[in-house]
Amino acid sequence: MHDTDGKAAPLAQLQAWFLTAMTAPGGMARGVALARQRHGWTQEQVLKAARGSPAPLHVYADGYVQRLLECLQADYPVLRRLMGEELFTFFARAYVWRHPSTSTTLYDLGGGFADFLAASQPGAGDKAAALRFPVELARLERARSEAGRAPGLEKRARQAMPDGLAWLLGEGTQVAVAPCLRLLALSFPVAAFWQQAQAAPSEAMPAPPEPAACHVAISRLHYRITMHDLQPWQFFWLQALAGGAPLPACAQAAAQASGRAQDEVLADALLWLPMAAAAGLVAGGIEG
């Protein structure tokens, strides 16, 4: 490929042309036109036709988009089954066109898919709840993916946790949430639905549940993804701890957010926090 002066075109400009042509919304034809507008080169100038045949840019473009679609399908398996192949592919393709991958890893590709689905919905109406459920399911599956790839506790030396009130007062061992912990406040029991869907045959899907507020903690223990339903105060406690609050302040934040008396929260926490540590939600000796 040479420019109008006969000089070889810089590699960076060629890469920019290809990226525009293959990722522009509307498909390859739109991408080629946009690449010509932006970079001044036609498809024939960039790709050498084989014996007079059209340059096979569509092969690269279709393959590129298909690879991105496969990544989204792998990241959102239950959402794909819920929406159906045709509808999921429609939204996934629109997402890829609207948000082309710019990361060195395809893992980052689906990070904004749930927000994209939410933004694609019409205004609130009779179907608002039904439309919200796939969005929350997407958030759950993304959180599971993040928990699976984030640093965990597997290679950390296990440290003894302080007992009882000393823990709650923040004395002794430093306590923090596990790095792989993800917290979700949802308006549907999505975690239970996800587990039911995974256990069901591929041709059978459970019916979407009725709306019901729930709080979920997703983490990883011994390299396995775990999901835990939380009481509201437990969710707000972990949320405060994840934000860097000391343990005594976590009790106050959890009590205020859940509408419970702080003494009650402290009493329940004495029993629950050791179980949270055993489940891999929190641990000692983690740098904040």
C-alpha atoms as a PDB file:
ATOM      1  CA  MET A   1       0.000   0.000   0.000  1.00  0.00           C
ATOM      2  CA  HIS A   2       1.363   3.403  -1.043  1.00  0.00           C
ATOM      3  CA  ASP A   3      -0.024   6.866  -0.647  1.00  0.00           C
ATOM      4  CA  THR A   4      -0.628   9.337  -3.483  1.00  0.00           C
ATOM      5  CA  ASP A   5       3.056  10.348  -3.438  1.00  0.00           C
ATOM      6  CA  GLY A   6       4.187   6.788  -3.991  1.00  0.00           C
ATOM      7  CA  LYS A   7       5.550   6.447  -0.477  1.00  0.00           C
ATOM      8  CA  ALA A   8       4.721   3.473   1.697  1.00  0.00           C
ATOM      9  CA  ALA A   9       1.883   4.279   4.072  1.00  0.00           C
ATOM     10  CA  PRO A  10       2.801   4.186   7.763  1.00  0.00           C
ATOM     11  CA  LEU A  11       1.744   0.992   9.523  1.00  0.00           C
ATOM     12  CA  ALA A  12      -0.184   2.916  12.180  1.00  0.00           C
ATOM     13  CA  GLN A  13      -2.354   4.544   9.500  1.00  0.00           C
ATOM     14  CA  LEU A  14      -3.075   1.199   7.882  1.00  0.00           C
ATOM     15  CA  GLN A  15      -4.048  -0.251  11.239  1.00  0.00           C
ATOM     16  CA  ALA A  16      -6.354   2.699  11.866  1.00  0.00           C
ATOM     17  CA  TRP A  17      -7.984   2.158   8.450  1.00  0.00           C
ATOM     18  CA  PHE A  18      -8.591  -1.529   9.164  1.00  0.00           C
ATOM     19  CA  LEU A  19      -9.954  -0.804  12.640  1.00  0.00           C
ATOM     20  CA  THR A  20     -12.421   1.732  11.260  1.00  0.00           C
ATOM     21  CA  ALA A  21     -13.502  -0.533   8.408  1.00  0.00           C
ATOM     22  CA  MET A  22     -14.087  -3.578  10.585  1.00  0.00           C
ATOM     23  CA  THR A  23     -15.681  -2.037  13.679  1.00  0.00           C
ATOM     24  CA  ALA A  24     -17.851   0.806  12.400  1.00  0.00           C
ATOM     25  CA  PRO A  25     -21.567   0.482  13.280  1.00  0.00           C
ATOM     26  CA  GLY A  26     -23.579  -0.777  10.318  1.00  0.00           C
ATOM     27  CA  GLY A  27     -21.262  -3.464   9.021  1.00  0.00           C
ATOM     28  CA  MET A  28     -18.420  -3.665   6.547  1.00  0.00           C
ATOM     29  CA  ALA A  29     -19.903  -1.488   3.777  1.00  0.00           C
ATOM     30  CA  ARG A  30     -20.468   1.360   6.206  1.00  0.00           C
ATOM     31  CA  GLY A  31     -17.032   0.775   7.712  1.00  0.00           C
ATOM     32  CA  VAL A  32     -15.254   0.987   4.360  1.00  0.00           C
ATOM     33  CA  ALA A  33     -17.041   4.223   3.503  1.00  0.00           C
ATOM     34  CA  LEU A  34     -16.187   5.684   6.899  1.00  0.00           C
ATOM     35  CA  ALA A  35     -12.548   4.571   6.604  1.00  0.00           C
ATOM     36  CA  ARG A  36     -12.269   6.273   3.239  1.00  0.00           C
ATOM     37  CA  GLN A  37     -13.784   9.454   4.656  1.00  0.00           C
ATOM     38  CA  ARG A  38     -11.426   9.475   7.642  1.00  0.00           C
ATOM     39  CA  HIS A  39      -8.210   8.245   6.069  1.00  0.00           C
ATOM     40  CA  GLY A  40      -8.596   9.061   2.368  1.00  0.00           C
ATOM     41  CA  TRP A  41      -8.040   5.524   1.027  1.00  0.00           C
ATOM     42  CA  THR A  42     -10.417   3.264  -0.811  1.00  0.00           C
ATOM     43  CA  GLN A  43     -10.717  -0.451  -0.186  1.00  0.00           C
ATOM     44  CA  GLU A  44      -8.967  -1.151  -3.506  1.00  0.00           C
ATOM     45  CA  GLN A  45      -5.996   1.002  -2.504  1.00  0.00           C
ATOM     46  CA  VAL A  46      -5.535  -0.803   0.774  1.00  0.00           C
ATOM     47  CA  LEU A  47      -6.248  -4.367  -0.305  1.00  0.00           C
ATOM     48  CA  LYS A  48      -4.910  -5.813  -3.492  1.00  0.00           C
ATOM     49  CA  ALA A  49      -7.648  -7.659  -5.381  1.00  0.00           C
ATOM     50  CA  ALA A  50      -6.992 -11.277  -6.258  1.00  0.00           C
ATOM     51  CA  ARG A  51      -7.138 -11.656 -10.073  1.00  0.00           C
ATOM     52  CA  GLY A  52      -9.727  -8.951 -10.408  1.00  0.00           C
ATOM     53  CA  SER A  53     -11.984 -10.316  -7.661  1.00  0.00           C
ATOM     54  CA  PRO A  54     -13.204  -8.040  -4.900  1.00  0.00           C
ATOM     55  CA  ALA A  55     -10.753  -7.786  -2.048  1.00  0.00           C
ATOM     56  CA  PRO A  56     -11.843 -10.221   0.696  1.00  0.00           C
ATOM     57  CA  LEU A  57     -12.170  -7.638   3.454  1.00  0.00           C
ATOM     58  CA  HIS A  58     -15.502  -9.108   4.495  1.00  0.00           C
ATOM     59  CA  VAL A  59     -13.722 -12.292   5.537  1.00  0.00           C
ATOM     60  CA  TYR A  60     -11.641 -10.378   8.065  1.00  0.00           C
ATOM     61  CA  ALA A  61     -14.496  -8.141   9.170  1.00  0.00           C
ATOM     62  CA  ASP A  62     -16.966 -10.989   9.662  1.00  0.00           C
ATOM     63  CA  GLY A  63     -14.362 -13.079  11.453  1.00  0.00           C
ATOM     64  CA  TYR A  64     -13.433 -10.231  13.759  1.00  0.00           C
ATOM     65  CA  VAL A  65     -17.021  -9.488  14.745  1.00  0.00           C
ATOM     66  CA  GLN A  66     -17.818 -13.183  15.149  1.00  0.00           C
ATOM     67  CA  ARG A  67     -14.908 -13.605  17.540  1.00  0.00           C
ATOM     68  CA  LEU A  68     -16.205 -10.726  19.666  1.00  0.00           C
ATOM     69  CA  LEU A  69     -19.707 -12.201  19.638  1.00  0.00           C
ATOM     70  CA  GLU A  70     -18.313 -15.537  20.824  1.00  0.00           C
ATOM     71  CA  CYS A  71     -16.631 -13.769  23.739  1.00  0.00           C
ATOM     72  CA  LEU A  72     -19.929 -12.181  24.794  1.00  0.00           C
ATOM     73  CA  GLN A  73     -21.723 -15.507  24.430  1.00  0.00           C
ATOM     74  CA  ALA A  74     -19.160 -17.128  26.739  1.00  0.00           C
ATOM     75  CA  ASP A  75     -19.440 -14.318  29.295  1.00  0.00           C
ATOM     76  CA  TYR A  76     -23.266 -14.328  29.395  1.00  0.00           C
ATOM     77  CA  PRO A  77     -24.416 -17.958  28.908  1.00  0.00           C
ATOM     78  CA  VAL A  78     -27.640 -17.788  30.942  1.00  0.00           C
ATOM     79  CA  LEU A  79     -28.588 -14.361  29.585  1.00  0.00           C
ATOM     80  CA  ARG A  80     -28.125 -15.747  26.084  1.00  0.00           C
ATOM     81  CA  ARG A  81     -30.535 -18.596  26.817  1.00  0.00           C
ATOM     82  CA  LEU A  82     -33.049 -16.258  28.435  1.00  0.00           C
ATOM     83  CA  MET A  83     -33.087 -13.790  25.538  1.00  0.00           C
ATOM     84  CA  GLY A  84     -32.838 -16.394  22.802  1.00  0.00           C
ATOM     85  CA  GLU A  85     -30.125 -16.661  20.182  1.00  0.00           C
ATOM     86  CA  GLU A  86     -31.566 -14.135  17.729  1.00  0.00           C
ATOM     87  CA  LEU A  87     -32.302 -11.362  20.243  1.00  0.00           C
ATOM     88  CA  PHE A  88     -29.038 -11.839  22.133  1.00  0.00           C
ATOM     89  CA  THR A  89     -27.037 -11.696  18.904  1.00  0.00           C
ATOM     90  CA  PHE A  90     -28.886  -8.538  17.853  1.00  0.00           C
ATOM     91  CA  PHE A  91     -27.942  -6.712  21.052  1.00  0.00           C
ATOM     92  CA  ALA A  92     -24.456  -8.212  21.184  1.00  0.00           C
ATOM     93  CA  ARG A  93     -23.688  -7.094  17.631  1.00  0.00           C
ATOM     94  CA  ALA A  94     -25.054  -3.618  18.324  1.00  0.00           C
ATOM     95  CA  TYR A  95     -22.895  -3.461  21.455  1.00  0.00           C
ATOM     96  CA  VAL A  96     -19.757  -4.510  19.568  1.00  0.00           C
ATOM     97  CA  TRP A  97     -20.379  -1.844  16.934  1.00  0.00           C
ATOM     98  CA  ARG A  98     -21.111   0.822  19.537  1.00  0.00           C
ATOM     99  CA  HIS A  99     -18.265  -0.146  21.864  1.00  0.00           C
ATOM    100  CA  PRO A 100     -15.435  -1.673  19.817  1.00  0.00           C
ATOM    101  CA  SER A 101     -12.736  -3.407  21.811  1.00  0.00           C
ATOM    102  CA  THR A 102      -9.837  -1.130  22.748  1.00  0.00           C
ATOM    103  CA  SER A 103      -8.221  -3.342  25.380  1.00  0.00           C
ATOM    104  CA  THR A 104      -5.321  -5.745  24.973  1.00  0.00           C
ATOM    105  CA  THR A 105      -7.553  -8.496  26.409  1.00  0.00           C
ATOM    106  CA  LEU A 106     -10.998  -9.545  25.214  1.00  0.00           C
ATOM    107  CA  TYR A 107     -11.973 -10.084  28.839  1.00  0.00           C
ATOM    108  CA  ASP A 108     -12.672  -6.337  29.065  1.00  0.00           C
ATOM    109  CA  LEU A 109     -15.040  -6.428  26.084  1.00  0.00           C
ATOM    110  CA  GLY A 110     -18.239  -7.224  27.966  1.00  0.00           C
ATOM    111  CA  GLY A 111     -17.697  -4.902  30.912  1.00  0.00           C
ATOM    112  CA  GLY A 112     -20.344  -2.420  29.766  1.00  0.00           C
ATOM    113  CA  PHE A 113     -22.878  -4.841  28.283  1.00  0.00           C
ATOM    114  CA  ALA A 114     -25.354  -4.583  31.172  1.00  0.00           C
ATOM    115  CA  ASP A 115     -25.301  -0.776  31.017  1.00  0.00           C
ATOM    116  CA  PHE A 116     -25.770  -0.964  27.244  1.00  0.00           C
ATOM    117  CA  LEU A 117     -28.846  -3.156  27.671  1.00  0.00           C
ATOM    118  CA  ALA A 118     -30.243  -0.762  30.268  1.00  0.00           C
ATOM    119  CA  ALA A 119     -29.670   2.248  28.012  1.00  0.00           C
ATOM    120  CA  SER A 120     -31.359   0.435  25.109  1.00  0.00           C
ATOM    121  CA  GLN A 121     -34.656   0.088  26.969  1.00  0.00           C
ATOM    122  CA  PRO A 122     -37.554   2.466  26.434  1.00  0.00           C
ATOM    123  CA  GLY A 123     -38.957   4.571  29.242  1.00  0.00           C
ATOM    124  CA  ALA A 124     -40.583   2.987  32.265  1.00  0.00           C
ATOM    125  CA  GLY A 125     -43.977   1.445  31.626  1.00  0.00           C
ATOM    126  CA  ASP A 126     -45.950  -1.737  32.115  1.00  0.00           C
ATOM    127  CA  LYS A 127     -42.966  -3.833  31.002  1.00  0.00           C
ATOM    128  CA  ALA A 128     -40.361  -2.010  33.081  1.00  0.00           C
ATOM    129  CA  ALA A 129     -39.866  -4.886  35.530  1.00  0.00           C
ATOM    130  CA  ALA A 130     -39.644  -7.514  32.788  1.00  0.00           C
ATOM    131  CA  LEU A 131     -37.066  -5.460  30.934  1.00  0.00           C
ATOM    132  CA  ARG A 132     -35.046  -4.842  34.080  1.00  0.00           C
ATOM    133  CA  PHE A 133     -34.578  -8.550  34.817  1.00  0.00           C
ATOM    134  CA  PRO A 134     -32.216  -9.303  31.859  1.00  0.00           C
ATOM    135  CA  VAL A 135     -30.120  -6.281  32.848  1.00  0.00           C
ATOM    136  CA  GLU A 136     -29.725  -7.571  36.401  1.00  0.00           C
ATOM    137  CA  LEU A 137     -28.938 -11.050  35.094  1.00  0.00           C
ATOM    138  CA  ALA A 138     -26.201  -9.499  32.946  1.00  0.00           C
ATOM    139  CA  ARG A 139     -24.797  -7.713  36.002  1.00  0.00           C
ATOM    140  CA  LEU A 140     -24.713 -10.999  37.911  1.00  0.00           C
ATOM    141  CA  GLU A 141     -22.904 -12.854  35.141  1.00  0.00           C
ATOM    142  CA  ARG A 142     -20.389 -10.049  34.739  1.00  0.00           C
ATOM    143  CA  ALA A 143     -19.746 -10.059  38.488  1.00  0.00           C
ATOM    144  CA  ARG A 144     -19.144 -13.818  38.366  1.00  0.00           C
ATOM    145  CA  SER A 145     -16.676 -13.313  35.536  1.00  0.00           C
ATOM    146  CA  GLU A 146     -14.848 -10.581  37.463  1.00  0.00           C
ATOM    147  CA  ALA A 147     -14.719 -12.676  40.631  1.00  0.00           C
ATOM    148  CA  GLY A 148     -13.201 -15.505  38.638  1.00  0.00           C
ATOM    149  CA  ARG A 149     -10.382 -13.392  37.243  1.00  0.00           C
ATOM    150  CA  ALA A 150      -9.617 -11.035  40.128  1.00  0.00           C
ATOM    151  CA  PRO A 151      -6.857 -11.783  42.653  1.00  0.00           C
ATOM    152  CA  GLY A 152      -8.128 -14.147  45.325  1.00  0.00           C
ATOM    153  CA  LEU A 153      -7.119 -15.668  48.624  1.00  0.00           C
ATOM    154  CA  GLU A 154      -5.806 -18.978  47.291  1.00  0.00           C
ATOM    155  CA  LYS A 155      -2.106 -18.102  47.474  1.00  0.00           C
ATOM    156  CA  ARG A 156      -2.260 -16.015  50.622  1.00  0.00           C
ATOM    157  CA  ALA A 157      -0.999 -17.384  53.900  1.00  0.00           C
ATOM    158  CA  ARG A 158      -3.983 -17.981  56.122  1.00  0.00           C
ATOM    159  CA  GLN A 159      -3.928 -15.759  59.193  1.00  0.00           C
ATOM    160  CA  ALA A 160      -5.776 -16.219  62.431  1.00  0.00           C
ATOM    161  CA  MET A 161      -8.703 -13.889  62.897  1.00  0.00           C
ATOM    162  CA  PRO A 162      -9.273 -12.089  66.203  1.00  0.00           C
ATOM    163  CA  ASP A 163     -12.099 -13.465  68.283  1.00  0.00           C
ATOM    164  CA  GLY A 164     -15.419 -11.894  69.102  1.00  0.00           C
ATOM    165  CA  LEU A 165     -15.532  -8.305  70.204  1.00  0.00           C
ATOM    166  CA  ALA A 166     -11.839  -7.704  69.483  1.00  0.00           C
ATOM    167  CA  TRP A 167     -12.586  -8.236  65.802  1.00  0.00           C
ATOM    168  CA  LEU A 168     -15.508  -5.847  65.780  1.00  0.00           C
ATOM    169  CA  LEU A 169     -13.440  -3.208  67.563  1.00  0.00           C
ATOM    170  CA  GLY A 170     -10.737  -3.515  64.916  1.00  0.00           C
ATOM    171  CA  GLU A 171      -8.099  -4.736  67.325  1.00  0.00           C
ATOM    172  CA  GLY A 172      -5.242  -6.975  66.196  1.00  0.00           C
ATOM    173  CA  THR A 173      -5.376  -8.417  62.680  1.00  0.00           C
ATOM    174  CA  GLN A 174      -6.281  -6.066  59.856  1.00  0.00           C
ATOM    175  CA  VAL A 175      -9.471  -7.177  58.133  1.00  0.00           C
ATOM    176  CA  ALA A 176     -10.647  -6.390  54.600  1.00  0.00           C
ATOM    177  CA  VAL A 177     -12.887  -7.856  51.945  1.00  0.00           C
ATOM    178  CA  ALA A 178     -11.429 -10.448  49.608  1.00  0.00           C
ATOM    179  CA  PRO A 179     -10.050  -8.810  46.404  1.00  0.00           C
ATOM    180  CA  CYS A 180     -12.357 -10.981  44.309  1.00  0.00           C
ATOM    181  CA  LEU A 181     -15.517 -10.021  46.214  1.00  0.00           C
ATOM    182  CA  ARG A 182     -18.319  -8.427  44.202  1.00  0.00           C
ATOM    183  CA  LEU A 183     -21.478  -7.038  45.823  1.00  0.00           C
ATOM    184  CA  LEU A 184     -24.810  -6.606  44.051  1.00  0.00           C
ATOM    185  CA  ALA A 185     -28.035  -4.987  45.235  1.00  0.00           C
ATOM    186  CA  LEU A 186     -30.760  -6.339  42.952  1.00  0.00           C
ATOM    187  CA  SER A 187     -34.519  -6.083  42.585  1.00  0.00           C
ATOM    188  CA  PHE A 188     -34.932  -9.746  41.556  1.00  0.00           C
ATOM    189  CA  PRO A 189     -33.650 -13.012  43.102  1.00  0.00           C
ATOM    190  CA  VAL A 190     -31.264 -13.374  40.188  1.00  0.00           C
ATOM    191  CA  ALA A 191     -28.738 -15.667  41.887  1.00  0.00           C
ATOM    192  CA  ALA A 192     -31.359 -18.338  42.567  1.00  0.00           C
ATOM    193  CA  PHE A 193     -32.639 -18.048  38.983  1.00  0.00           C
ATOM    194  CA  TRP A 194     -29.093 -18.384  37.605  1.00  0.00           C
ATOM    195  CA  GLN A 195     -28.500 -21.571  39.570  1.00  0.00           C
ATOM    196  CA  GLN A 196     -31.830 -23.021  38.453  1.00  0.00           C
ATOM    197  CA  ALA A 197     -31.077 -22.175  34.835  1.00  0.00           C
ATOM    198  CA  GLN A 198     -27.646 -23.794  35.023  1.00  0.00           C
ATOM    199  CA  ALA A 199     -29.188 -26.987  36.381  1.00  0.00           C
ATOM    200  CA  ALA A 200     -31.999 -27.065  33.810  1.00  0.00           C
ATOM    201  CA  PRO A 201     -31.695 -28.776  30.414  1.00  0.00           C
ATOM    202  CA  SER A 202     -30.552 -26.478  27.638  1.00  0.00           C
ATOM    203  CA  GLU A 203     -33.996 -26.534  26.003  1.00  0.00           C
ATOM    204  CA  ALA A 204     -35.806 -25.685  29.251  1.00  0.00           C
ATOM    205  CA  MET A 205     -35.481 -22.400  31.118  1.00  0.00           C
ATOM    206  CA  PRO A 206     -37.163 -21.560  34.430  1.00  0.00           C
ATOM    207  CA  ALA A 207     -39.649 -18.725  34.342  1.00  0.00           C
ATOM    208  CA  PRO A 208     -38.220 -15.337  35.396  1.00  0.00           C
ATOM    209  CA  PRO A 209     -38.985 -14.695  39.073  1.00  0.00           C
ATOM    210  CA  GLU A 210     -41.230 -12.037  40.497  1.00  0.00           C
ATOM    211  CA  PRO A 211     -39.536  -8.843  41.717  1.00  0.00           C
ATOM    212  CA  ALA A 212     -38.040  -9.131  45.201  1.00  0.00           C
ATOM    213  CA  ALA A 213     -35.192  -7.075  46.612  1.00  0.00           C
ATOM    214  CA  CYS A 214     -32.085  -9.125  47.310  1.00  0.00           C
ATOM    215  CA  HIS A 215     -28.427  -8.632  48.079  1.00  0.00           C
ATOM    216  CA  VAL A 216     -25.748 -10.954  46.754  1.00  0.00           C
ATOM    217  CA  ALA A 217     -22.067 -11.463  47.492  1.00  0.00           C
ATOM    218  CA  ILE A 218     -20.026 -13.163  44.775  1.00  0.00           C
ATOM    219  CA  SER A 219     -16.556 -14.376  45.590  1.00  0.00           C
ATOM    220  CA  ARG A 220     -14.101 -17.205  44.932  1.00  0.00           C
ATOM    221  CA  LEU A 221     -13.068 -19.888  47.391  1.00  0.00           C
ATOM    222  CA  HIS A 222     -10.493 -22.551  46.487  1.00  0.00           C
ATOM    223  CA  TYR A 223     -10.753 -21.463  42.831  1.00  0.00           C
ATOM    224  CA  ARG A 224     -14.542 -21.950  42.732  1.00  0.00           C
ATOM    225  CA  ILE A 225     -17.025 -19.099  42.248  1.00  0.00           C
ATOM    226  CA  THR A 226     -19.485 -18.814  45.120  1.00  0.00           C
ATOM    227  CA  MET A 227     -22.676 -16.785  45.503  1.00  0.00           C
ATOM    228  CA  HIS A 228     -24.213 -15.892  48.855  1.00  0.00           C
ATOM    229  CA  ASP A 229     -27.548 -14.260  49.605  1.00  0.00           C
ATOM    230  CA  LEU A 230     -27.040 -11.545  52.186  1.00  0.00           C
ATOM    231  CA  GLN A 231     -29.284  -9.819  54.646  1.00  0.00           C
ATOM    232  CA  PRO A 232     -29.379  -6.066  54.018  1.00  0.00           C
ATOM    233  CA  TRP A 233     -27.209  -5.242  57.031  1.00  0.00           C
ATOM    234  CA  GLN A 234     -24.605  -7.801  55.920  1.00  0.00           C
ATOM    235  CA  PHE A 235     -24.508  -6.238  52.457  1.00  0.00           C
ATOM    236  CA  PHE A 236     -24.041  -2.734  53.831  1.00  0.00           C
ATOM    237  CA  TRP A 237     -21.403  -3.948  56.289  1.00  0.00           C
ATOM    238  CA  LEU A 238     -19.347  -5.501  53.498  1.00  0.00           C
ATOM    239  CA  GLN A 239     -19.934  -2.458  51.310  1.00  0.00           C
ATOM    240  CA  ALA A 240     -18.555  -0.175  54.016  1.00  0.00           C
ATOM    241  CA  LEU A 241     -15.589  -2.485  54.596  1.00  0.00           C
ATOM    242  CA  ALA A 242     -14.874  -2.559  50.848  1.00  0.00           C
ATOM    243  CA  GLY A 243     -14.862   1.237  50.917  1.00  0.00           C
ATOM    244  CA  GLY A 244     -12.089   1.228  53.506  1.00  0.00           C
ATOM    245  CA  ALA A 245     -14.124   1.896  56.650  1.00  0.00           C
ATOM    246  CA  PRO A 246     -12.733   0.462  59.906  1.00  0.00           C
ATOM    247  CA  LEU A 247     -14.764  -2.338  61.449  1.00  0.00           C
ATOM    248  CA  PRO A 248     -16.406  -0.191  64.164  1.00  0.00           C
ATOM    249  CA  ALA A 249     -17.640   2.227  61.473  1.00  0.00           C
ATOM    250  CA  CYS A 250     -18.976  -0.687  59.404  1.00  0.00           C
ATOM    251  CA  ALA A 251     -21.458  -1.511  62.158  1.00  0.00           C
ATOM    252  CA  GLN A 252     -22.733   2.068  62.223  1.00  0.00           C
ATOM    253  CA  ALA A 253     -23.034   2.232  58.435  1.00  0.00           C
ATOM    254  CA  ALA A 254     -24.827  -1.126  58.280  1.00  0.00           C
ATOM    255  CA  ALA A 255     -27.259  -0.134  61.018  1.00  0.00           C
ATOM    256  CA  GLN A 256     -28.120   3.201  59.419  1.00  0.00           C
ATOM    257  CA  ALA A 257     -28.553   1.782  55.907  1.00  0.00           C
ATOM    258  CA  SER A 258     -30.642  -1.207  57.000  1.00  0.00           C
ATOM    259  CA  GLY A 259     -32.745   0.631  59.572  1.00  0.00           C
ATOM    260  CA  ARG A 260     -31.668  -1.573  62.465  1.00  0.00           C
ATOM    261  CA  ALA A 261     -30.337  -0.727  65.893  1.00  0.00           C
ATOM    262  CA  GLN A 262     -26.549  -0.697  66.011  1.00  0.00           C
ATOM    263  CA  ASP A 263     -26.493  -2.969  69.075  1.00  0.00           C
ATOM    264  CA  GLU A 264     -28.505  -5.583  67.177  1.00  0.00           C
ATOM    265  CA  VAL A 265     -26.152  -5.399  64.219  1.00  0.00           C
ATOM    266  CA  LEU A 266     -23.135  -5.821  66.483  1.00  0.00           C
ATOM    267  CA  ALA A 267     -24.676  -8.854  68.164  1.00  0.00           C
ATOM    268  CA  ASP A 268     -25.491 -10.523  64.842  1.00  0.00           C
ATOM    269  CA  ALA A 269     -22.077  -9.683  63.463  1.00  0.00           C
ATOM    270  CA  LEU A 270     -20.365 -11.581  66.272  1.00  0.00           C
ATOM    271  CA  LEU A 271     -21.817 -14.775  64.829  1.00  0.00           C
ATOM    272  CA  TRP A 272     -21.777 -13.907  61.144  1.00  0.00           C
ATOM    273  CA  LEU A 273     -18.340 -12.427  60.492  1.00  0.00           C
ATOM    274  CA  PRO A 274     -16.424 -15.660  61.259  1.00  0.00           C
ATOM    275  CA  MET A 275     -18.718 -17.418  58.776  1.00  0.00           C
ATOM    276  CA  ALA A 276     -18.036 -14.679  56.239  1.00  0.00           C
ATOM    277  CA  ALA A 277     -14.327 -15.329  56.676  1.00  0.00           C
ATOM    278  CA  ALA A 278     -14.837 -19.083  56.215  1.00  0.00           C
ATOM    279  CA  ALA A 279     -16.780 -18.354  53.010  1.00  0.00           C
ATOM    280  CA  GLY A 280     -13.943 -16.247  51.592  1.00  0.00           C
ATOM    281  CA  LEU A 281     -15.776 -12.941  51.744  1.00  0.00           C
ATOM    282  CA  VAL A 282     -13.355 -11.324  54.201  1.00  0.00           C
ATOM    283  CA  ALA A 283      -9.898 -12.180  55.497  1.00  0.00           C
ATOM    284  CA  GLY A 284      -7.192 -10.882  57.751  1.00  0.00           C
ATOM    285  CA  GLY A 285      -3.839  -9.541  56.719  1.00  0.00           C
ATOM    286  CA  ILE A 286      -5.055  -7.985  53.452  1.00  0.00           C
ATOM    287  CA  GLU A 287      -3.664  -4.622  52.488  1.00  0.00           C
ATOM    288  CA  GLY A 288      -6.464  -2.100  52.166  1.00  0.00           C
END
